């Protein structure tokens, strides 16, 4: 059984082939040369960070299936200054168009020491940005982005840092390692 921890760069699809457009987009096949592994969950093309891949179907389901409520922690650069009311809303659950989210863990953090993003996040002198750590236990489509937008804090950069006990620690963008 293999479990691979991969630091998915911005702009890379969470799949091995791209059948979506005429223009070829980067996929996992440009980075991972281990046969028979598949992503356990997804990470949007415009998001970065930890993506787990495995050749074990049961493990893949346990990681990806919302029934198991595996915690996923994201470092989120948001536009604006998070007020306690917005953080409290995230902690209690946010009403989205597909229903109320489960309560999240949310806190303001100092800017993390991350790699530069390519392309860089747009910077505007007149609009402050801050970082929050957000841990969720479900996996709706673009959930973190929708949650932060719903509380008035649009996401500028999104990095998944942790899934369960697995972390991105020590992996540069495009690098992977096989878990012990």
N, C-alpha and C. Protein backbone atom coordinates (compact mmCIF):
# COMPACT_ATOMS: atom_id res chain seq x y z
N UNK A 1 0.84 -1.18 0.00
CA UNK A 1 0.00 0.00 0.00
C UNK A 1 0.88 1.24 0.00
N UNK A 2 0.57 2.16 -0.88
CA UNK A 2 1.31 3.42 -0.96
C UNK A 2 0.41 4.58 -0.58
N UNK A 3 0.97 5.51 0.18
CA UNK A 3 0.30 6.78 0.44
C UNK A 3 1.33 7.86 0.11
N UNK A 4 0.95 8.73 -0.80
CA UNK A 4 1.85 9.78 -1.26
C UNK A 4 1.31 11.13 -0.79
N UNK A 5 2.19 11.93 -0.21
CA UNK A 5 1.88 13.30 0.17
C UNK A 5 2.50 14.19 -0.91
N UNK A 6 1.67 14.99 -1.56
CA UNK A 6 2.11 15.82 -2.68
C UNK A 6 1.75 17.27 -2.41
N UNK A 7 2.69 18.18 -2.67
CA UNK A 7 2.43 19.61 -2.57
C UNK A 7 2.02 20.10 -3.96
N UNK A 8 0.71 20.16 -4.18
CA UNK A 8 0.17 20.54 -5.49
C UNK A 8 0.38 22.04 -5.71
N UNK A 9 1.11 22.38 -6.78
CA UNK A 9 1.28 23.80 -7.09
C UNK A 9 -0.01 24.43 -7.61
N UNK A 10 -0.06 25.74 -7.51
CA UNK A 10 -1.15 26.53 -8.09
C UNK A 10 -1.23 26.23 -9.58
N UNK A 11 -2.43 26.05 -10.10
CA UNK A 11 -2.64 25.86 -11.54
C UNK A 11 -2.60 24.43 -12.02
N UNK A 12 -2.28 23.49 -11.14
CA UNK A 12 -2.20 22.08 -11.53
C UNK A 12 -3.54 21.40 -11.21
N UNK A 13 -4.02 20.60 -12.15
CA UNK A 13 -5.26 19.85 -11.94
C UNK A 13 -5.00 18.66 -11.01
N UNK A 14 -5.99 18.30 -10.19
CA UNK A 14 -5.88 17.16 -9.26
C UNK A 14 -6.26 15.85 -9.95
N UNK A 15 -5.73 15.63 -11.13
CA UNK A 15 -5.99 14.41 -11.89
C UNK A 15 -4.79 14.17 -12.81
N UNK A 16 -4.72 12.97 -13.36
CA UNK A 16 -3.55 12.61 -14.17
C UNK A 16 -3.69 12.97 -15.64
N UNK A 17 -4.89 13.23 -16.12
CA UNK A 17 -5.10 13.63 -17.50
C UNK A 17 -6.03 14.83 -17.54
N UNK A 18 -5.94 15.59 -18.62
CA UNK A 18 -6.80 16.76 -18.80
C UNK A 18 -7.62 16.57 -20.06
N UNK A 19 -8.90 16.37 -19.89
CA UNK A 19 -9.77 16.24 -21.05
C UNK A 19 -10.75 17.39 -21.13
N UNK A 20 -10.48 18.45 -20.37
CA UNK A 20 -11.45 19.53 -20.25
C UNK A 20 -11.38 20.62 -21.29
N UNK A 21 -10.22 20.91 -21.86
CA UNK A 21 -10.12 22.05 -22.76
C UNK A 21 -9.21 21.71 -23.94
N UNK A 22 -9.19 22.61 -24.90
CA UNK A 22 -8.29 22.48 -26.05
C UNK A 22 -6.84 22.74 -25.63
N UNK A 23 -6.66 23.68 -24.69
CA UNK A 23 -5.34 24.04 -24.22
C UNK A 23 -4.93 23.10 -23.10
N UNK A 24 -3.78 22.48 -23.24
CA UNK A 24 -3.30 21.54 -22.21
C UNK A 24 -3.00 22.30 -20.91
N UNK A 25 -3.51 21.75 -19.82
CA UNK A 25 -3.23 22.30 -18.50
C UNK A 25 -2.38 21.29 -17.74
N UNK A 26 -1.52 21.76 -16.82
CA UNK A 26 -0.67 20.82 -16.09
C UNK A 26 -1.50 19.89 -15.21
N UNK A 27 -1.08 18.63 -15.14
CA UNK A 27 -1.77 17.62 -14.35
C UNK A 27 -0.77 16.93 -13.42
N UNK A 28 -1.26 16.00 -12.62
CA UNK A 28 -0.41 15.26 -11.70
C UNK A 28 0.66 14.45 -12.42
N UNK A 29 0.39 14.04 -13.65
CA UNK A 29 1.35 13.21 -14.39
C UNK A 29 2.68 13.92 -14.62
N UNK A 30 2.70 15.25 -14.56
CA UNK A 30 3.94 15.99 -14.73
C UNK A 30 4.81 15.92 -13.47
N UNK A 31 4.25 15.43 -12.35
CA UNK A 31 4.96 15.46 -11.08
C UNK A 31 5.12 14.09 -10.43
N UNK A 32 4.17 13.19 -10.64
CA UNK A 32 4.15 11.93 -9.91
C UNK A 32 4.28 10.77 -10.88
N UNK A 33 5.32 9.96 -10.68
CA UNK A 33 5.60 8.84 -11.57
C UNK A 33 5.41 7.49 -10.88
N UNK A 34 4.48 7.44 -9.93
CA UNK A 34 4.19 6.21 -9.20
C UNK A 34 2.95 5.59 -9.83
N UNK A 35 3.05 4.35 -10.38
CA UNK A 35 1.89 3.77 -11.05
C UNK A 35 0.82 3.31 -10.06
N UNK A 36 -0.43 3.39 -10.49
CA UNK A 36 -1.54 2.82 -9.75
C UNK A 36 -2.06 3.62 -8.58
N UNK A 37 -1.63 4.87 -8.42
CA UNK A 37 -2.15 5.69 -7.33
C UNK A 37 -3.16 6.70 -7.88
N UNK A 38 -4.11 7.06 -7.01
CA UNK A 38 -5.16 8.01 -7.39
C UNK A 38 -5.37 9.00 -6.26
N UNK A 39 -5.79 10.22 -6.60
CA UNK A 39 -6.01 11.22 -5.56
C UNK A 39 -7.13 10.79 -4.60
N UNK A 40 -6.91 11.02 -3.32
CA UNK A 40 -7.93 10.80 -2.29
C UNK A 40 -8.53 12.16 -2.00
N UNK A 41 -9.47 12.56 -2.81
CA UNK A 41 -10.07 13.88 -2.71
C UNK A 41 -9.52 14.78 -3.81
N UNK A 42 -9.94 16.04 -3.75
CA UNK A 42 -9.56 16.98 -4.80
C UNK A 42 -9.05 18.27 -4.16
N UNK A 43 -8.36 19.01 -4.97
CA UNK A 43 -7.92 20.35 -4.60
C UNK A 43 -8.06 21.18 -5.87
N UNK A 44 -8.83 22.25 -5.81
CA UNK A 44 -9.10 23.05 -7.00
C UNK A 44 -7.82 23.51 -7.68
N UNK A 45 -7.92 23.77 -8.97
CA UNK A 45 -6.76 24.20 -9.76
C UNK A 45 -6.15 25.47 -9.20
N UNK A 46 -6.99 26.38 -8.66
CA UNK A 46 -6.47 27.64 -8.14
C UNK A 46 -6.14 27.58 -6.64
N UNK A 47 -6.08 26.36 -6.09
CA UNK A 47 -5.66 26.15 -4.71
C UNK A 47 -4.34 25.40 -4.72
N UNK A 48 -3.62 25.50 -3.62
CA UNK A 48 -2.30 24.87 -3.50
C UNK A 48 -2.29 23.97 -2.29
N UNK A 49 -1.27 23.13 -2.22
CA UNK A 49 -1.02 22.44 -0.98
C UNK A 49 -1.21 20.94 -1.02
N UNK A 50 -1.50 20.38 0.16
CA UNK A 50 -1.47 18.94 0.36
C UNK A 50 -2.56 18.21 -0.40
N UNK A 51 -2.11 17.26 -1.21
CA UNK A 51 -3.00 16.34 -1.90
C UNK A 51 -2.46 14.94 -1.59
N UNK A 52 -3.33 14.07 -1.12
CA UNK A 52 -2.93 12.70 -0.82
C UNK A 52 -3.33 11.80 -1.98
N UNK A 53 -2.44 10.87 -2.33
CA UNK A 53 -2.71 9.88 -3.37
C UNK A 53 -2.43 8.50 -2.80
N UNK A 54 -3.22 7.52 -3.20
CA UNK A 54 -3.03 6.18 -2.68
C UNK A 54 -3.47 5.14 -3.71
N UNK A 55 -3.01 3.90 -3.51
CA UNK A 55 -3.45 2.79 -4.32
C UNK A 55 -4.42 1.90 -3.54
N UNK A 56 -4.83 2.35 -2.36
CA UNK A 56 -5.72 1.60 -1.47
C UNK A 56 -7.12 2.24 -1.50
N UNK A 57 -8.07 1.54 -2.10
CA UNK A 57 -9.42 2.08 -2.25
C UNK A 57 -10.10 2.41 -0.93
N UNK A 58 -9.90 1.56 0.09
CA UNK A 58 -10.54 1.82 1.39
C UNK A 58 -9.95 3.07 2.04
N UNK A 59 -8.63 3.22 1.95
CA UNK A 59 -7.99 4.41 2.51
C UNK A 59 -8.44 5.65 1.74
N UNK A 60 -8.53 5.53 0.44
CA UNK A 60 -8.98 6.65 -0.39
C UNK A 60 -10.37 7.10 0.05
N UNK A 61 -11.27 6.15 0.27
CA UNK A 61 -12.63 6.48 0.72
C UNK A 61 -12.63 7.11 2.11
N UNK A 62 -11.80 6.59 3.02
CA UNK A 62 -11.75 7.11 4.38
C UNK A 62 -11.26 8.56 4.40
N UNK A 63 -10.33 8.87 3.50
CA UNK A 63 -9.80 10.24 3.43
C UNK A 63 -10.80 11.17 2.77
N UNK A 64 -11.40 10.75 1.66
CA UNK A 64 -12.20 11.64 0.83
C UNK A 64 -13.68 11.71 1.23
N UNK A 65 -14.23 10.64 1.79
CA UNK A 65 -15.67 10.59 2.05
C UNK A 65 -16.03 11.46 3.25
N UNK A 66 -16.96 12.42 3.06
CA UNK A 66 -17.34 13.31 4.16
C UNK A 66 -17.93 12.58 5.38
N UNK A 67 -18.41 11.35 5.19
CA UNK A 67 -18.97 10.61 6.34
C UNK A 67 -17.94 10.42 7.43
N UNK A 68 -16.66 10.35 7.08
CA UNK A 68 -15.61 10.10 8.06
C UNK A 68 -15.12 11.37 8.74
N UNK A 69 -15.55 12.53 8.22
CA UNK A 69 -15.26 13.83 8.83
C UNK A 69 -13.78 14.03 9.19
N UNK A 70 -12.90 13.62 8.27
CA UNK A 70 -11.47 13.82 8.50
C UNK A 70 -11.15 15.32 8.44
N UNK A 71 -10.49 15.85 9.46
CA UNK A 71 -10.21 17.29 9.46
C UNK A 71 -9.19 17.67 8.39
N UNK A 72 -9.46 18.80 7.75
CA UNK A 72 -8.57 19.35 6.74
C UNK A 72 -8.32 20.81 7.13
N UNK A 73 -7.04 21.16 7.28
CA UNK A 73 -6.67 22.51 7.71
C UNK A 73 -6.11 23.29 6.53
N UNK A 74 -6.63 24.49 6.36
CA UNK A 74 -6.24 25.38 5.28
C UNK A 74 -5.66 26.67 5.85
N UNK A 75 -4.61 27.18 5.21
CA UNK A 75 -4.09 28.51 5.49
C UNK A 75 -4.68 29.40 4.41
N UNK A 76 -5.43 30.41 4.83
CA UNK A 76 -6.22 31.19 3.90
C UNK A 76 -5.87 32.66 4.01
N UNK A 77 -5.38 33.22 2.90
CA UNK A 77 -5.15 34.66 2.84
C UNK A 77 -6.45 35.29 2.38
N UNK A 78 -7.00 36.18 3.20
CA UNK A 78 -8.28 36.79 2.88
C UNK A 78 -8.13 38.28 2.68
N UNK A 79 -9.05 38.83 1.91
CA UNK A 79 -9.11 40.26 1.69
C UNK A 79 -9.91 40.87 2.85
N UNK A 80 -9.33 41.85 3.49
CA UNK A 80 -10.01 42.48 4.62
C UNK A 80 -9.40 42.05 5.93
N UNK A 81 -9.95 42.60 7.00
CA UNK A 81 -9.48 42.30 8.35
C UNK A 81 -10.55 41.50 9.08
N UNK A 82 -10.26 40.25 9.41
CA UNK A 82 -11.27 39.42 10.08
C UNK A 82 -11.67 39.99 11.45
N UNK A 83 -12.94 40.20 11.61
CA UNK A 83 -13.47 40.62 12.90
C UNK A 83 -13.92 39.38 13.66
N UNK A 84 -14.04 39.49 14.96
CA UNK A 84 -14.44 38.34 15.78
C UNK A 84 -15.80 37.78 15.35
N UNK A 85 -16.71 38.64 14.91
CA UNK A 85 -18.03 38.17 14.47
C UNK A 85 -17.92 37.24 13.26
N UNK A 86 -17.03 37.55 12.34
CA UNK A 86 -16.85 36.69 11.15
C UNK A 86 -16.24 35.36 11.56
N UNK A 87 -15.24 35.39 12.45
CA UNK A 87 -14.63 34.14 12.92
C UNK A 87 -15.66 33.29 13.68
N UNK A 88 -16.49 33.95 14.50
CA UNK A 88 -17.52 33.24 15.25
C UNK A 88 -18.51 32.57 14.29
N UNK A 89 -18.85 33.26 13.22
CA UNK A 89 -19.76 32.69 12.21
C UNK A 89 -19.14 31.43 11.59
N UNK A 90 -17.85 31.49 11.25
CA UNK A 90 -17.17 30.32 10.70
C UNK A 90 -17.18 29.17 11.71
N UNK A 91 -16.98 29.51 12.98
CA UNK A 91 -16.94 28.48 14.03
C UNK A 91 -18.30 27.85 14.29
N UNK A 92 -19.37 28.57 13.99
CA UNK A 92 -20.71 28.05 14.25
C UNK A 92 -21.31 27.35 13.03
N UNK A 93 -20.74 27.59 11.86
CA UNK A 93 -21.31 27.07 10.62
C UNK A 93 -21.87 28.22 9.81
N UNK A 94 -21.68 28.15 8.51
CA UNK A 94 -22.07 29.23 7.62
C UNK A 94 -23.15 28.72 6.68
N UNK A 95 -24.19 29.52 6.49
CA UNK A 95 -25.25 29.14 5.56
C UNK A 95 -24.78 29.44 4.14
N UNK A 96 -24.68 28.38 3.32
CA UNK A 96 -24.33 28.50 1.90
C UNK A 96 -25.55 28.11 1.08
N UNK A 97 -25.47 28.27 -0.23
CA UNK A 97 -26.63 27.94 -1.06
C UNK A 97 -26.98 26.45 -1.02
N UNK A 98 -26.05 25.59 -0.59
CA UNK A 98 -26.33 24.16 -0.47
C UNK A 98 -26.49 23.73 0.98
N UNK A 99 -26.79 24.68 1.87
CA UNK A 99 -27.08 24.35 3.26
C UNK A 99 -26.04 24.88 4.22
N UNK A 100 -26.28 24.60 5.50
CA UNK A 100 -25.41 25.04 6.58
C UNK A 100 -24.17 24.15 6.64
N UNK A 101 -22.99 24.77 6.76
CA UNK A 101 -21.76 23.99 6.90
C UNK A 101 -21.65 23.50 8.34
N UNK A 102 -20.84 22.48 8.54
CA UNK A 102 -20.51 22.07 9.89
C UNK A 102 -19.66 23.16 10.53
N UNK A 103 -19.66 23.26 11.85
CA UNK A 103 -18.78 24.24 12.49
C UNK A 103 -17.31 23.97 12.12
N UNK A 104 -16.58 25.05 11.97
CA UNK A 104 -15.15 24.97 11.61
C UNK A 104 -14.32 25.51 12.77
N UNK A 105 -13.05 25.17 12.76
CA UNK A 105 -12.10 25.83 13.65
C UNK A 105 -11.53 26.99 12.85
N UNK A 106 -11.56 28.19 13.41
CA UNK A 106 -11.09 29.37 12.68
C UNK A 106 -10.36 30.30 13.63
N UNK A 107 -9.18 30.76 13.19
CA UNK A 107 -8.43 31.72 13.99
C UNK A 107 -7.53 32.54 13.07
N UNK A 108 -7.27 33.78 13.49
CA UNK A 108 -6.31 34.62 12.78
C UNK A 108 -4.91 34.09 13.09
N UNK A 109 -4.04 34.13 12.09
CA UNK A 109 -2.66 33.70 12.26
C UNK A 109 -1.73 34.73 11.65
N UNK A 110 -0.47 34.69 12.05
CA UNK A 110 0.54 35.52 11.40
C UNK A 110 0.74 34.99 9.99
N UNK A 111 1.19 35.84 9.07
CA UNK A 111 1.45 35.34 7.72
C UNK A 111 2.43 34.16 7.77
N UNK A 112 2.03 33.01 7.19
CA UNK A 112 2.91 31.85 7.24
C UNK A 112 4.10 32.01 6.29
N UNK A 113 5.17 31.29 6.60
CA UNK A 113 6.33 31.29 5.71
C UNK A 113 6.09 30.27 4.62
N UNK A 114 5.61 30.74 3.49
CA UNK A 114 5.29 29.89 2.35
C UNK A 114 6.15 30.28 1.16
N UNK A 115 6.17 29.43 0.16
CA UNK A 115 6.83 29.70 -1.10
C UNK A 115 6.06 30.80 -1.82
N UNK A 116 6.74 31.55 -2.71
CA UNK A 116 6.02 32.53 -3.51
C UNK A 116 5.06 31.83 -4.47
N UNK A 117 3.91 32.42 -4.67
CA UNK A 117 2.97 31.83 -5.61
C UNK A 117 3.21 32.38 -7.00
N UNK A 118 3.06 31.52 -7.99
CA UNK A 118 3.22 31.93 -9.39
C UNK A 118 1.92 31.59 -10.12
N UNK A 119 1.15 32.59 -10.54
CA UNK A 119 1.40 34.03 -10.44
C UNK A 119 1.14 34.53 -9.02
N UNK A 120 1.76 35.68 -8.68
CA UNK A 120 1.56 36.21 -7.34
C UNK A 120 0.11 36.65 -7.11
N UNK A 121 -0.27 36.67 -5.84
CA UNK A 121 -1.59 37.19 -5.46
C UNK A 121 -1.60 38.68 -5.73
N UNK A 122 -2.71 39.17 -6.27
CA UNK A 122 -2.79 40.61 -6.54
C UNK A 122 -2.72 41.39 -5.24
N UNK A 123 -2.00 42.47 -5.26
CA UNK A 123 -1.82 43.31 -4.07
C UNK A 123 -2.45 44.66 -4.31
N UNK A 124 -3.24 45.11 -3.33
CA UNK A 124 -3.84 46.45 -3.42
C UNK A 124 -3.54 47.19 -2.13
N UNK A 125 -2.87 48.34 -2.26
CA UNK A 125 -2.49 49.11 -1.07
C UNK A 125 -3.69 49.53 -0.24
N UNK A 126 -4.82 49.78 -0.90
CA UNK A 126 -5.98 50.31 -0.20
C UNK A 126 -6.81 49.23 0.52
N UNK A 127 -6.52 47.95 0.25
CA UNK A 127 -7.29 46.88 0.87
C UNK A 127 -6.35 45.96 1.65
N UNK A 128 -6.53 45.90 2.98
CA UNK A 128 -5.65 45.03 3.77
C UNK A 128 -5.95 43.56 3.50
N UNK A 129 -4.97 42.72 3.77
CA UNK A 129 -5.21 41.28 3.73
C UNK A 129 -4.65 40.67 5.00
N UNK A 130 -5.25 39.55 5.38
CA UNK A 130 -4.84 38.84 6.59
C UNK A 130 -4.89 37.35 6.33
N UNK A 131 -4.31 36.58 7.24
CA UNK A 131 -4.30 35.13 7.13
C UNK A 131 -5.14 34.53 8.26
N UNK A 132 -5.88 33.50 7.91
CA UNK A 132 -6.60 32.73 8.92
C UNK A 132 -6.28 31.25 8.71
N UNK A 133 -6.37 30.50 9.78
CA UNK A 133 -6.30 29.05 9.72
C UNK A 133 -7.73 28.55 9.86
N UNK A 134 -8.15 27.69 8.94
CA UNK A 134 -9.53 27.20 8.92
C UNK A 134 -9.49 25.68 8.79
N UNK A 135 -10.10 24.99 9.74
CA UNK A 135 -10.18 23.53 9.71
C UNK A 135 -11.62 23.12 9.54
N UNK A 136 -11.88 22.35 8.48
CA UNK A 136 -13.24 21.87 8.20
C UNK A 136 -13.25 20.35 8.21
N UNK A 137 -14.44 19.78 8.32
CA UNK A 137 -14.59 18.32 8.38
C UNK A 137 -15.58 17.81 7.33
N UNK A 138 -15.71 18.55 6.28
CA UNK A 138 -16.52 18.11 5.14
C UNK A 138 -15.81 18.60 3.90
N UNK A 139 -16.31 18.32 2.74
CA UNK A 139 -15.58 18.68 1.54
C UNK A 139 -16.48 19.10 0.40
N UNK A 140 -17.28 20.10 0.61
CA UNK A 140 -18.14 20.59 -0.47
C UNK A 140 -17.30 21.32 -1.52
N UNK A 141 -17.86 21.45 -2.70
CA UNK A 141 -17.18 22.11 -3.80
C UNK A 141 -16.83 23.55 -3.41
N UNK A 142 -15.55 23.87 -3.48
CA UNK A 142 -15.03 25.22 -3.20
C UNK A 142 -15.52 25.75 -1.86
N UNK A 143 -15.63 24.87 -0.88
CA UNK A 143 -16.25 25.20 0.40
C UNK A 143 -15.54 26.32 1.15
N UNK A 144 -14.22 26.25 1.28
CA UNK A 144 -13.51 27.26 2.05
C UNK A 144 -13.70 28.64 1.42
N UNK A 145 -13.56 28.72 0.11
CA UNK A 145 -13.74 30.00 -0.58
C UNK A 145 -15.16 30.54 -0.38
N UNK A 146 -16.14 29.66 -0.45
CA UNK A 146 -17.53 30.10 -0.27
C UNK A 146 -17.79 30.52 1.17
N UNK A 147 -17.19 29.82 2.14
CA UNK A 147 -17.38 30.18 3.54
C UNK A 147 -16.78 31.54 3.85
N UNK A 148 -15.55 31.77 3.41
CA UNK A 148 -14.93 33.06 3.72
C UNK A 148 -15.66 34.20 3.01
N UNK A 149 -16.11 33.98 1.79
CA UNK A 149 -16.87 35.01 1.07
C UNK A 149 -18.18 35.31 1.80
N UNK A 150 -18.83 34.28 2.33
CA UNK A 150 -20.12 34.46 3.01
C UNK A 150 -20.00 35.32 4.27
N UNK A 151 -18.81 35.35 4.86
CA UNK A 151 -18.62 36.19 6.07
C UNK A 151 -17.88 37.49 5.73
N UNK A 152 -17.81 37.83 4.43
CA UNK A 152 -17.24 39.10 4.00
C UNK A 152 -15.74 39.13 3.88
N UNK A 153 -15.11 37.94 3.73
CA UNK A 153 -13.65 37.87 3.63
C UNK A 153 -13.27 37.05 2.39
N UNK A 154 -13.30 37.64 1.21
CA UNK A 154 -12.96 36.87 0.00
C UNK A 154 -11.56 36.28 0.08
N UNK A 155 -11.42 35.05 -0.39
CA UNK A 155 -10.13 34.35 -0.38
C UNK A 155 -9.24 34.85 -1.51
N UNK A 156 -8.00 35.18 -1.16
CA UNK A 156 -6.99 35.56 -2.14
C UNK A 156 -6.06 34.39 -2.46
N UNK A 157 -5.69 33.63 -1.43
CA UNK A 157 -4.80 32.49 -1.61
C UNK A 157 -5.24 31.39 -0.65
N UNK A 158 -5.22 30.16 -1.14
CA UNK A 158 -5.70 29.03 -0.35
C UNK A 158 -4.69 27.90 -0.42
N UNK A 159 -4.15 27.51 0.75
CA UNK A 159 -3.15 26.46 0.84
C UNK A 159 -3.65 25.41 1.83
N UNK A 160 -3.89 24.17 1.35
CA UNK A 160 -4.25 23.11 2.29
C UNK A 160 -2.98 22.63 2.94
N UNK A 161 -2.92 22.73 4.28
CA UNK A 161 -1.71 22.42 5.02
C UNK A 161 -1.75 21.03 5.64
N UNK A 162 -2.94 20.57 6.04
CA UNK A 162 -3.02 19.31 6.77
C UNK A 162 -4.30 18.56 6.40
N UNK A 163 -4.18 17.23 6.34
CA UNK A 163 -5.32 16.33 6.22
C UNK A 163 -5.13 15.27 7.30
N UNK A 164 -6.03 15.24 8.29
CA UNK A 164 -5.84 14.31 9.40
C UNK A 164 -4.50 14.56 10.07
N UNK A 165 -3.67 13.52 10.16
CA UNK A 165 -2.34 13.65 10.77
C UNK A 165 -1.25 13.96 9.75
N UNK A 166 -1.58 13.98 8.46
CA UNK A 166 -0.58 14.22 7.42
C UNK A 166 -0.47 15.72 7.17
N UNK A 167 0.77 16.20 7.03
CA UNK A 167 1.01 17.63 6.85
C UNK A 167 1.94 17.88 5.66
N UNK A 168 1.93 19.10 5.23
CA UNK A 168 2.75 19.54 4.09
C UNK A 168 4.19 19.84 4.51
N UNK A 169 4.46 19.80 5.78
CA UNK A 169 5.77 20.17 6.33
C UNK A 169 6.92 19.58 5.51
N UNK A 170 7.84 20.44 5.06
CA UNK A 170 9.05 19.99 4.38
C UNK A 170 8.90 19.69 2.90
N UNK A 171 7.73 19.93 2.32
CA UNK A 171 7.54 19.66 0.88
C UNK A 171 7.42 20.97 0.12
N UNK A 172 8.28 21.17 -0.85
CA UNK A 172 8.19 22.34 -1.72
C UNK A 172 7.13 22.08 -2.78
N UNK A 173 6.61 23.11 -3.43
CA UNK A 173 5.62 22.90 -4.49
C UNK A 173 6.15 21.94 -5.56
N UNK A 174 5.31 20.98 -5.94
CA UNK A 174 5.69 20.00 -6.96
C UNK A 174 6.43 18.80 -6.40
N UNK A 175 6.77 18.80 -5.12
CA UNK A 175 7.46 17.66 -4.51
C UNK A 175 6.49 16.72 -3.85
N UNK A 176 6.89 15.45 -3.78
CA UNK A 176 6.08 14.48 -3.03
C UNK A 176 6.99 13.56 -2.25
N UNK A 177 6.38 12.89 -1.27
CA UNK A 177 7.09 11.87 -0.52
C UNK A 177 6.10 10.75 -0.22
N UNK A 178 6.63 9.56 -0.07
CA UNK A 178 5.81 8.41 0.30
C UNK A 178 5.77 8.35 1.82
N UNK A 179 4.55 8.29 2.37
CA UNK A 179 4.37 8.28 3.82
C UNK A 179 4.87 6.97 4.41
N UNK A 180 5.31 7.06 5.65
CA UNK A 180 5.76 5.87 6.39
C UNK A 180 4.60 4.96 6.73
